[in-house]
Every structure is written in C-alpha cells, then in structure tokens.
Amino acid sequence: MSFEDYITVTPGIRSGKPCIRGTRIAVYDILEYLAGGMTEAQILEDFPSLRPEHIRACLAFAAARERRLAVSPAA
C-alpha cells in the first residue's frame, strides 16, 4: 500500500492539511511527535485510532514531498 491509501486532504478538515484518513490527526502532528522524541509505541498509545501503518504513511508522505521539492526548479 502507498501513503495515498492512508492520507487525505479534505478542505473542511484541519484547513485542508494532510490528515490520516478518517481522523483529524494531521501528518505534521505525527512528524512533530516523532521529531520530538516520541516513540511509535507512545504515539499509538496516545492515539488508539492509529495503527503502525499510519505512522509509516506519514514518513512516506514526508519523503515524497521532500523528493518533489528537491527536483523542483528554483524560483
């Protein structure tokens, strides 16, 4: 499965920020928790609706976005 199976952008939810499908949990929330030192287990404990594949999807989403930025011509 790809991150598109788990991440959606809906204009009326979290101001259109990418979120875990069926939740209001934004991708950047998960990435910030990881960057702040939370483990996957801690995140899953705090958010029972999440599964490990959601966290992997957030990482894949961030990697894909970074890859797109790296190949975009400078403005």
PDB file of N, CA and C in Angstrom:
ATOM      1  N   MET A   1       0.839  -1.184   0.000  1.00  0.00           N
ATOM      2  CA  MET A   1       0.000   0.000   0.000  1.00  0.00           C
ATOM      3  C   MET A   1       0.884   1.247   0.000  1.00  0.00           C
ATOM      4  N   SER A   2       0.337   2.313  -0.528  1.00  0.00           N
ATOM      5  CA  SER A   2       1.075   3.575  -0.563  1.00  0.00           C
ATOM      6  C   SER A   2       0.451   4.557   0.428  1.00  0.00           C
ATOM      7  N   PHE A   3       1.173   5.642   0.686  1.00  0.00           N
ATOM      8  CA  PHE A   3       0.668   6.591   1.667  1.00  0.00           C
ATOM      9  C   PHE A   3      -0.673   7.187   1.253  1.00  0.00           C
ATOM     10  N   GLU A   4      -0.956   7.226  -0.044  1.00  0.00           N
ATOM     11  CA  GLU A   4      -2.233   7.770  -0.510  1.00  0.00           C
ATOM     12  C   GLU A   4      -3.429   6.970   0.018  1.00  0.00           C
ATOM     13  N   ASP A   5      -3.195   5.724   0.386  1.00  0.00           N
ATOM     14  CA  ASP A   5      -4.263   4.898   0.944  1.00  0.00           C
ATOM     15  C   ASP A   5      -4.620   5.316   2.366  1.00  0.00           C
ATOM     16  N   TYR A   6      -3.724   6.037   3.033  1.00  0.00           N
ATOM     17  CA  TYR A   6      -3.909   6.384   4.436  1.00  0.00           C
ATOM     18  C   TYR A   6      -4.028   7.876   4.702  1.00  0.00           C
ATOM     19  N   ILE A   7      -3.618   8.701   3.755  1.00  0.00           N
ATOM     20  CA  ILE A   7      -3.579  10.146   3.971  1.00  0.00           C
ATOM     21  C   ILE A   7      -4.493  10.842   2.978  1.00  0.00           C
ATOM     22  N   THR A   8      -5.305  11.749   3.502  1.00  0.00           N
ATOM     23  CA  THR A   8      -6.226  12.501   2.661  1.00  0.00           C
ATOM     24  C   THR A   8      -6.094  13.989   2.934  1.00  0.00           C
ATOM     25  N   VAL A   9      -6.540  14.774   1.968  1.00  0.00           N
ATOM     26  CA  VAL A   9      -6.623  16.217   2.122  1.00  0.00           C
ATOM     27  C   VAL A   9      -8.070  16.590   1.851  1.00  0.00           C
ATOM     28  N   THR A  10      -8.738  17.101   2.881  1.00  0.00           N
ATOM     29  CA  THR A  10     -10.138  17.498   2.772  1.00  0.00           C
ATOM     30  C   THR A  10     -10.232  18.957   3.184  1.00  0.00           C
ATOM     31  N   PRO A  11     -10.699  19.837   2.282  1.00  0.00           N
ATOM     32  CA  PRO A  11     -10.708  21.267   2.575  1.00  0.00           C
ATOM     33  C   PRO A  11     -11.348  21.647   3.910  1.00  0.00           C
ATOM     34  N   GLY A  12     -12.394  20.984   4.339  1.00  0.00           N
ATOM     35  CA  GLY A  12     -13.076  21.364   5.574  1.00  0.00           C
ATOM     36  C   GLY A  12     -12.495  20.761   6.840  1.00  0.00           C
ATOM     37  N   ILE A  13     -11.462  19.953   6.716  1.00  0.00           N
ATOM     38  CA  ILE A  13     -10.868  19.306   7.886  1.00  0.00           C
ATOM     39  C   ILE A  13      -9.443  19.809   8.068  1.00  0.00           C
ATOM     40  N   ARG A  14      -9.189  20.386   9.235  1.00  0.00           N
ATOM     41  CA  ARG A  14      -7.869  20.931   9.583  1.00  0.00           C
ATOM     42  C   ARG A  14      -7.353  21.888   8.513  1.00  0.00           C
ATOM     43  N   SER A  15      -8.266  22.679   7.980  1.00  0.00           N
ATOM     44  CA  SER A  15      -7.924  23.696   6.967  1.00  0.00           C
ATOM     45  C   SER A  15      -7.250  23.098   5.741  1.00  0.00           C
ATOM     46  N   GLY A  16      -7.609  21.874   5.412  1.00  0.00           N
ATOM     47  CA  GLY A  16      -7.067  21.244   4.215  1.00  0.00           C
ATOM     48  C   GLY A  16      -5.680  20.655   4.369  1.00  0.00           C
ATOM     49  N   LYS A  17      -5.210  20.538   5.605  1.00  0.00           N
ATOM     50  CA  LYS A  17      -3.896  19.926   5.822  1.00  0.00           C
ATOM     51  C   LYS A  17      -4.013  18.412   5.625  1.00  0.00           C
ATOM     52  N   PRO A  18      -2.940  17.771   5.172  1.00  0.00           N
ATOM     53  CA  PRO A  18      -2.967  16.318   5.015  1.00  0.00           C
ATOM     54  C   PRO A  18      -3.187  15.646   6.376  1.00  0.00           C
ATOM     55  N   CYS A  19      -4.161  14.744   6.428  1.00  0.00           N
ATOM     56  CA  CYS A  19      -4.525  14.056   7.669  1.00  0.00           C
ATOM     57  C   CYS A  19      -4.625  12.557   7.432  1.00  0.00           C
ATOM     58  N   ILE A  20      -4.542  11.818   8.528  1.00  0.00           N
ATOM     59  CA  ILE A  20      -4.781  10.387   8.474  1.00  0.00           C
ATOM     60  C   ILE A  20      -6.247  10.183   8.119  1.00  0.00           C
ATOM     61  N   ARG A  21      -6.501   9.364   7.124  1.00  0.00           N
ATOM     62  CA  ARG A  21      -7.866   9.109   6.647  1.00  0.00           C
ATOM     63  C   ARG A  21      -8.790   8.744   7.810  1.00  0.00           C
ATOM     64  N   GLY A  22      -9.942   9.408   7.860  1.00  0.00           N
ATOM     65  CA  GLY A  22     -10.946   9.127   8.881  1.00  0.00           C
ATOM     66  C   GLY A  22     -10.679   9.767  10.228  1.00  0.00           C
ATOM     67  N   THR A  23      -9.628  10.588  10.313  1.00  0.00           N
ATOM     68  CA  THR A  23      -9.311  11.271  11.568  1.00  0.00           C
ATOM     69  C   THR A  23      -9.071  12.750  11.294  1.00  0.00           C
ATOM     70  N   ARG A  24      -8.838  13.481  12.355  1.00  0.00           N
ATOM     71  CA  ARG A  24      -8.423  14.874  12.234  1.00  0.00           C
ATOM     72  C   ARG A  24      -6.960  15.023  12.646  1.00  0.00           C
ATOM     73  N   ILE A  25      -6.243  13.924  12.635  1.00  0.00           N
ATOM     74  CA  ILE A  25      -4.828  13.930  13.016  1.00  0.00           C
ATOM     75  C   ILE A  25      -4.002  14.262  11.784  1.00  0.00           C
ATOM     76  N   ALA A  26      -3.317  15.407  11.847  1.00  0.00           N
ATOM     77  CA  ALA A  26      -2.530  15.877  10.706  1.00  0.00           C
ATOM     78  C   ALA A  26      -1.201  15.137  10.620  1.00  0.00           C
ATOM     79  N   VAL A  27      -0.734  14.991   9.404  1.00  0.00           N
ATOM     80  CA  VAL A  27       0.568  14.354   9.161  1.00  0.00           C
ATOM     81  C   VAL A  27       1.650  15.081   9.948  1.00  0.00           C
ATOM     82  N   TYR A  28       1.617  16.411   9.933  1.00  0.00           N
ATOM     83  CA  TYR A  28       2.674  17.140  10.619  1.00  0.00           C
ATOM     84  C   TYR A  28       2.627  16.915  12.122  1.00  0.00           C
ATOM     85  N   ASP A  29       1.448  16.622  12.691  1.00  0.00           N
ATOM     86  CA  ASP A  29       1.379  16.296  14.120  1.00  0.00           C
ATOM     87  C   ASP A  29       2.221  15.057  14.406  1.00  0.00           C
ATOM     88  N   ILE A  30       2.012  14.017  13.609  1.00  0.00           N
ATOM     89  CA  ILE A  30       2.748  12.773  13.799  1.00  0.00           C
ATOM     90  C   ILE A  30       4.245  13.007  13.609  1.00  0.00           C
ATOM     91  N   LEU A  31       4.604  13.752  12.567  1.00  0.00           N
ATOM     92  CA  LEU A  31       6.025  14.019  12.307  1.00  0.00           C
ATOM     93  C   LEU A  31       6.656  14.813  13.447  1.00  0.00           C
ATOM     94  N   GLU A  32       5.918  15.773  14.007  1.00  0.00           N
ATOM     95  CA  GLU A  32       6.445  16.550  15.125  1.00  0.00           C
ATOM     96  C   GLU A  32       6.611  15.694  16.372  1.00  0.00           C
ATOM     97  N   TYR A  33       5.679  14.784  16.613  1.00  0.00           N
ATOM     98  CA  TYR A  33       5.816  13.882  17.760  1.00  0.00           C
ATOM     99  C   TYR A  33       7.068  13.023  17.609  1.00  0.00           C
ATOM    100  N   LEU A  34       7.280  12.487  16.423  1.00  0.00           N
ATOM    101  CA  LEU A  34       8.474  11.674  16.181  1.00  0.00           C
ATOM    102  C   LEU A  34       9.742  12.510  16.334  1.00  0.00           C
ATOM    103  N   ALA A  35       9.742  13.704  15.763  1.00  0.00           N
ATOM    104  CA  ALA A  35      10.905  14.584  15.851  1.00  0.00           C
ATOM    105  C   ALA A  35      11.173  14.995  17.294  1.00  0.00           C
ATOM    106  N   GLY A  36      10.124  15.090  18.088  1.00  0.00           N
ATOM    107  CA  GLY A  36      10.266  15.461  19.488  1.00  0.00           C
ATOM    108  C   GLY A  36      10.720  14.320  20.387  1.00  0.00           C
ATOM    109  N   GLY A  37      10.859  13.127  19.809  1.00  0.00           N
ATOM    110  CA  GLY A  37      11.379  12.022  20.579  1.00  0.00           C
ATOM    111  C   GLY A  37      10.369  10.968  20.994  1.00  0.00           C
ATOM    112  N   MET A  38       9.096  11.165  20.656  1.00  0.00           N
ATOM    113  CA  MET A  38       8.123  10.127  20.981  1.00  0.00           C
ATOM    114  C   MET A  38       8.400   8.891  20.148  1.00  0.00           C
ATOM    115  N   THR A  39       8.197   7.744  20.744  1.00  0.00           N
ATOM    116  CA  THR A  39       8.346   6.507  20.000  1.00  0.00           C
ATOM    117  C   THR A  39       7.025   6.185  19.301  1.00  0.00           C
ATOM    118  N   GLU A  40       7.104   5.269  18.350  1.00  0.00           N
ATOM    119  CA  GLU A  40       5.888   4.827  17.674  1.00  0.00           C
ATOM    120  C   GLU A  40       4.907   4.265  18.698  1.00  0.00           C
ATOM    121  N   ALA A  41       5.408   3.496  19.649  1.00  0.00           N
ATOM    122  CA  ALA A  41       4.539   2.902  20.675  1.00  0.00           C
ATOM    123  C   ALA A  41       3.838   3.971  21.499  1.00  0.00           C
ATOM    124  N   GLN A  42       4.540   5.039  21.838  1.00  0.00           N
ATOM    125  CA  GLN A  42       3.925   6.124  22.621  1.00  0.00           C
ATOM    126  C   GLN A  42       2.832   6.821  21.820  1.00  0.00           C
ATOM    127  N   ILE A  43       3.090   7.057  20.542  1.00  0.00           N
ATOM    128  CA  ILE A  43       2.083   7.711  19.693  1.00  0.00           C
ATOM    129  C   ILE A  43       0.847   6.829  19.579  1.00  0.00           C
ATOM    130  N   LEU A  44       1.067   5.545  19.349  1.00  0.00           N
ATOM    131  CA  LEU A  44      -0.062   4.620  19.213  1.00  0.00           C
ATOM    132  C   LEU A  44      -0.843   4.505  20.519  1.00  0.00           C
ATOM    133  N   GLU A  45      -0.171   4.620  21.636  1.00  0.00           N
ATOM    134  CA  GLU A  45      -0.855   4.582  22.927  1.00  0.00           C
ATOM    135  C   GLU A  45      -1.700   5.841  23.133  1.00  0.00           C
ATOM    136  N   ASP A  46      -1.164   7.001  22.719  1.00  0.00           N
ATOM    137  CA  ASP A  46      -1.890   8.267  22.870  1.00  0.00           C
ATOM    138  C   ASP A  46      -3.050   8.403  21.889  1.00  0.00           C
ATOM    139  N   PHE A  47      -2.947   7.741  20.743  1.00  0.00           N
ATOM    140  CA  PHE A  47      -3.971   7.837  19.700  1.00  0.00           C
ATOM    141  C   PHE A  47      -4.424   6.430  19.316  1.00  0.00           C
ATOM    142  N   PRO A  48      -5.363   5.853  20.058  1.00  0.00           N
ATOM    143  CA  PRO A  48      -5.772   4.468  19.821  1.00  0.00           C
ATOM    144  C   PRO A  48      -6.341   4.201  18.433  1.00  0.00           C
ATOM    145  N   SER A  49      -6.783   5.242  17.733  1.00  0.00           N
ATOM    146  CA  SER A  49      -7.335   5.033  16.392  1.00  0.00           C
ATOM    147  C   SER A  49      -6.241   4.837  15.343  1.00  0.00           C
ATOM    148  N   LEU A  50      -4.989   5.120  15.703  1.00  0.00           N
ATOM    149  CA  LEU A  50      -3.877   4.959  14.762  1.00  0.00           C
ATOM    150  C   LEU A  50      -3.333   3.548  14.791  1.00  0.00           C
ATOM    151  N   ARG A  51      -2.741   3.176  13.651  1.00  0.00           N
ATOM    152  CA  ARG A  51      -2.059   1.890  13.512  1.00  0.00           C
ATOM    153  C   ARG A  51      -0.632   2.172  13.023  1.00  0.00           C
ATOM    154  N   PRO A  52       0.256   1.222  13.175  1.00  0.00           N
ATOM    155  CA  PRO A  52       1.645   1.449  12.739  1.00  0.00           C
ATOM    156  C   PRO A  52       1.751   1.891  11.277  1.00  0.00           C
ATOM    157  N   GLU A  53       0.885   1.362  10.430  1.00  0.00           N
ATOM    158  CA  GLU A  53       0.957   1.755   9.013  1.00  0.00           C
ATOM    159  C   GLU A  53       0.620   3.229   8.794  1.00  0.00           C
ATOM    160  N   HIS A  54      -0.143   3.832   9.697  1.00  0.00           N
ATOM    161  CA  HIS A  54      -0.421   5.270   9.593  1.00  0.00           C
ATOM    162  C   HIS A  54       0.862   6.074   9.803  1.00  0.00           C
ATOM    163  N   ILE A  55       1.646   5.659  10.775  1.00  0.00           N
ATOM    164  CA  ILE A  55       2.903   6.368  11.045  1.00  0.00           C
ATOM    165  C   ILE A  55       3.862   6.198   9.872  1.00  0.00           C
ATOM    166  N   ARG A  56       3.947   4.996   9.332  1.00  0.00           N
ATOM    167  CA  ARG A  56       4.804   4.780   8.155  1.00  0.00           C
ATOM    168  C   ARG A  56       4.314   5.601   6.968  1.00  0.00           C
ATOM    169  N   ALA A  57       3.007   5.734   6.825  1.00  0.00           N
ATOM    170  CA  ALA A  57       2.452   6.549   5.737  1.00  0.00           C
ATOM    171  C   ALA A  57       2.852   8.013   5.895  1.00  0.00           C
ATOM    172  N   CYS A  58       2.878   8.502   7.126  1.00  0.00           N
ATOM    173  CA  CYS A  58       3.311   9.894   7.355  1.00  0.00           C
ATOM    174  C   CYS A  58       4.762  10.080   6.942  1.00  0.00           C
ATOM    175  N   LEU A  59       5.599   9.119   7.276  1.00  0.00           N
ATOM    176  CA  LEU A  59       7.004   9.208   6.885  1.00  0.00           C
ATOM    177  C   LEU A  59       7.160   9.128   5.369  1.00  0.00           C
ATOM    178  N   ALA A  60       6.408   8.257   4.736  1.00  0.00           N
ATOM    179  CA  ALA A  60       6.463   8.141   3.275  1.00  0.00           C
ATOM    180  C   ALA A  60       5.956   9.421   2.617  1.00  0.00           C
ATOM    181  N   PHE A  61       4.909  10.014   3.175  1.00  0.00           N
ATOM    182  CA  PHE A  61       4.368  11.267   2.663  1.00  0.00           C
ATOM    183  C   PHE A  61       5.433  12.365   2.728  1.00  0.00           C
ATOM    184  N   ALA A  62       6.106  12.465   3.873  1.00  0.00           N
ATOM    185  CA  ALA A  62       7.142  13.486   4.036  1.00  0.00           C
ATOM    186  C   ALA A  62       8.305  13.251   3.074  1.00  0.00           C
ATOM    187  N   ALA A  63       8.685  11.995   2.888  1.00  0.00           N
ATOM    188  CA  ALA A  63       9.769  11.683   1.958  1.00  0.00           C
ATOM    189  C   ALA A  63       9.384  12.051   0.529  1.00  0.00           C
ATOM    190  N   ALA A  64       8.156  11.754   0.149  1.00  0.00           N
ATOM    191  CA  ALA A  64       7.697  12.078  -1.208  1.00  0.00           C
ATOM    192  C   ALA A  64       7.653  13.587  -1.419  1.00  0.00           C
ATOM    193  N   ARG A  65       7.205  14.314  -0.410  1.00  0.00           N
ATOM    194  CA  ARG A  65       7.155  15.777  -0.521  1.00  0.00           C
ATOM    195  C   ARG A  65       8.572  16.334  -0.641  1.00  0.00           C
ATOM    196  N   GLU A  66       9.489  15.824   0.142  1.00  0.00           N
ATOM    197  CA  GLU A  66      10.878  16.266   0.075  1.00  0.00           C
ATOM    198  C   GLU A  66      11.480  15.962  -1.296  1.00  0.00           C
ATOM    199  N   ARG A  67      11.168  14.793  -1.818  1.00  0.00           N
ATOM    200  CA  ARG A  67      11.671  14.405  -3.145  1.00  0.00           C
ATOM    201  C   ARG A  67      11.141  15.360  -4.213  1.00  0.00           C
ATOM    202  N   ARG A  68       9.858  15.716  -4.122  1.00  0.00           N
ATOM    203  CA  ARG A  68       9.285  16.672  -5.094  1.00  0.00           C
ATOM    204  C   ARG A  68       9.966  18.029  -4.991  1.00  0.00           C
ATOM    205  N   LEU A  69      10.241  18.484  -3.771  1.00  0.00           N
ATOM    206  CA  LEU A  69      10.905  19.775  -3.585  1.00  0.00           C
ATOM    207  C   LEU A  69      12.325  19.748  -4.125  1.00  0.00           C
ATOM    208  N   ALA A  70      13.001  18.620  -3.981  1.00  0.00           N
ATOM    209  CA  ALA A  70      14.387  18.503  -4.433  1.00  0.00           C
ATOM    210  C   ALA A  70      14.514  18.554  -5.945  1.00  0.00           C
ATOM    211  N   VAL A  71      13.508  18.114  -6.660  1.00  0.00           N
ATOM    212  CA  VAL A  71      13.591  18.112  -8.122  1.00  0.00           C
ATOM    213  C   VAL A  71      12.902  19.315  -8.764  1.00  0.00           C
ATOM    214  N   SER A  72      12.221  20.113  -7.953  1.00  0.00           N
ATOM    215  CA  SER A  72      11.562  21.310  -8.490  1.00  0.00           C
ATOM    216  C   SER A  72      12.607  22.357  -8.807  1.00  0.00           C
ATOM    217  N   PRO A  73      12.449  23.052  -9.945  1.00  0.00           N
ATOM    218  CA  PRO A  73      13.399  24.098 -10.278  1.00  0.00           C
ATOM    219  C   PRO A  73      13.281  25.269  -9.285  1.00  0.00           C
ATOM    220  N   ALA A  74      14.416  25.874  -8.976  1.00  0.00           N
ATOM    221  CA  ALA A  74      14.424  27.023  -8.053  1.00  0.00           C
ATOM    222  C   ALA A  74      13.697  28.188  -8.695  1.00  0.00           C
ATOM    223  N   ALA A  75      12.978  28.905  -7.865  1.00  0.00           N
ATOM    224  CA  ALA A  75      12.213  30.057  -8.374  1.00  0.00           C
ATOM    225  C   ALA A  75      13.059  31.292  -8.448  1.00  0.00           C
TER     226      ALA A  75
END
